[in-house]
Amino acid sequence: QVEDKSKEKRLEDVPIVRDFPGVFPEDLSGLPPIRPVEFQIDLVPGAAPVARAPYRLAPSGMKELAEQLKELSDKGFIRPKDEEEHEEHLKTILELLKKEELYAKFSKC
């Protein structure tokens, strides 16, 4: 199926998102700034890695799942509890991204 590019999302079209333009720069060039905390996972010597992937599905199963979720969403069976709660959650996430100087590509949202 060919995607209609004329209906592509734009930053200006999303009320909450347009209040945080710095989180969605046009160009994500370079590496993020150096952080005061270095994140790492401490490994236990001699421990075996977990060798099981959760929720494995064949590509055809993933496609079917995506189609069913879209259909249920389009029919209104799956949705946020309410629009206000969704907007408040989104605003909290965007404020955190801005505070931590993390960035996102809007076209991937």
Protein backbone atom coordinates (compact mmCIF):
# COMPACT_ATOMS: atom_id res chain seq x y z
CA GLN A 1 0.00 0.00 0.00
CA VAL A 2 1.36 3.43 -0.99
CA GLU A 3 1.55 5.95 1.82
CA ASP A 4 0.09 9.41 1.20
CA LYS A 5 2.91 11.87 1.98
CA SER A 6 0.53 14.87 1.86
CA LYS A 7 -0.88 13.73 5.21
CA GLU A 8 2.56 13.56 6.82
CA LYS A 9 2.65 14.75 10.44
CA ARG A 10 4.05 18.21 11.05
CA LEU A 11 5.32 19.65 14.33
CA GLU A 12 2.96 22.63 14.05
CA ASP A 13 -0.09 20.33 13.83
CA VAL A 14 0.34 18.79 17.30
CA PRO A 15 -0.58 21.29 20.05
CA ILE A 16 1.47 19.81 22.92
CA VAL A 17 4.47 18.99 20.72
CA ARG A 18 4.72 22.46 19.17
CA ASP A 19 5.44 23.82 22.68
CA PHE A 20 8.70 21.82 22.67
CA PRO A 21 10.41 22.58 19.33
CA GLY A 22 13.87 22.15 20.87
CA VAL A 23 13.19 18.46 21.50
CA PHE A 24 12.60 17.89 17.78
CA PRO A 25 15.49 19.58 15.90
CA GLU A 26 15.50 19.43 12.10
CA ASP A 27 18.98 17.89 12.08
CA LEU A 28 20.22 15.41 14.68
CA SER A 29 23.90 15.83 13.89
CA GLY A 30 26.63 14.54 16.11
CA LEU A 31 26.59 12.76 19.43
CA PRO A 32 24.62 13.88 22.49
CA PRO A 33 26.47 15.99 25.08
CA ILE A 34 28.63 14.23 27.67
CA ARG A 35 26.56 13.38 30.75
CA PRO A 36 27.74 13.65 34.38
CA VAL A 37 26.50 10.08 35.01
CA GLU A 38 27.82 7.12 33.05
CA PHE A 39 25.26 4.37 32.68
CA GLN A 40 26.48 0.81 32.69
CA ILE A 41 25.38 -2.70 33.53
CA ASP A 42 27.57 -4.45 36.06
CA LEU A 43 28.08 -8.06 35.01
CA VAL A 44 28.44 -10.92 37.46
CA PRO A 45 31.57 -12.96 36.63
CA GLY A 46 30.67 -16.45 35.42
CA ALA A 47 26.94 -15.73 35.10
CA ALA A 48 25.28 -17.02 31.94
CA PRO A 49 23.28 -14.54 29.86
CA VAL A 50 19.54 -14.96 29.61
CA ALA A 51 19.03 -16.73 26.29
CA ARG A 52 15.30 -16.24 25.82
CA ALA A 53 13.60 -13.46 23.89
CA PRO A 54 10.16 -12.51 25.26
CA TYR A 55 7.06 -12.52 23.06
CA ARG A 56 8.61 -13.94 19.90
CA LEU A 57 6.36 -13.78 16.86
CA ALA A 58 6.95 -14.69 13.26
CA PRO A 59 6.88 -11.70 10.87
CA SER A 60 3.44 -12.79 9.65
CA GLY A 61 2.20 -12.84 13.26
CA MET A 62 3.59 -9.35 13.88
CA LYS A 63 1.86 -8.10 10.74
CA GLU A 64 -1.45 -9.63 11.82
CA LEU A 65 -1.08 -8.16 15.32
CA ALA A 66 -0.37 -4.69 13.89
CA GLU A 67 -3.41 -4.93 11.60
CA GLN A 68 -5.70 -6.01 14.46
CA LEU A 69 -4.43 -3.24 16.74
CA LYS A 70 -4.97 -0.65 14.00
CA GLU A 71 -8.49 -1.94 13.33
CA LEU A 72 -9.39 -1.86 17.04
CA SER A 73 -7.91 1.62 17.37
CA ASP A 74 -9.78 2.89 14.30
CA LYS A 75 -13.05 1.54 15.72
CA GLY A 76 -12.36 3.28 19.03
CA PHE A 77 -12.01 0.07 21.06
CA ILE A 78 -8.40 0.95 21.96
CA ARG A 79 -7.66 4.52 22.98
CA PRO A 80 -6.14 6.57 25.81
CA LYS A 81 -8.34 6.80 28.90
CA ASP A 82 -9.10 10.35 27.88
CA GLU A 83 -7.51 13.05 25.72
CA GLU A 84 -6.51 15.22 28.71
CA GLU A 85 -4.68 12.36 30.41
CA HIS A 86 -2.87 11.54 27.17
CA GLU A 87 -1.83 15.19 26.65
CA GLU A 88 -0.64 15.51 30.26
CA HIS A 89 1.46 12.34 29.91
CA LEU A 90 2.93 13.56 26.61
CA LYS A 91 3.75 16.95 28.15
CA THR A 92 5.54 15.26 31.07
CA ILE A 93 7.63 13.14 28.69
CA LEU A 94 8.55 16.14 26.51
CA GLU A 95 9.53 18.22 29.57
CA LEU A 96 11.78 15.39 30.72
CA LEU A 97 13.40 15.08 27.28
CA LYS A 98 14.02 18.84 27.22
CA LYS A 99 15.45 18.87 30.76
CA GLU A 100 17.81 15.97 30.01
CA GLU A 101 18.80 17.47 26.63
CA LEU A 102 17.55 14.42 24.75
CA TYR A 103 16.16 14.75 21.26
CA ALA A 104 13.71 12.93 19.03
CA LYS A 105 13.00 12.76 15.34
CA PHE A 106 9.40 13.96 14.96
CA SER A 107 8.78 11.92 11.82
CA LYS A 108 9.34 8.77 13.91
CA CYS A 109 6.67 9.69 16.47
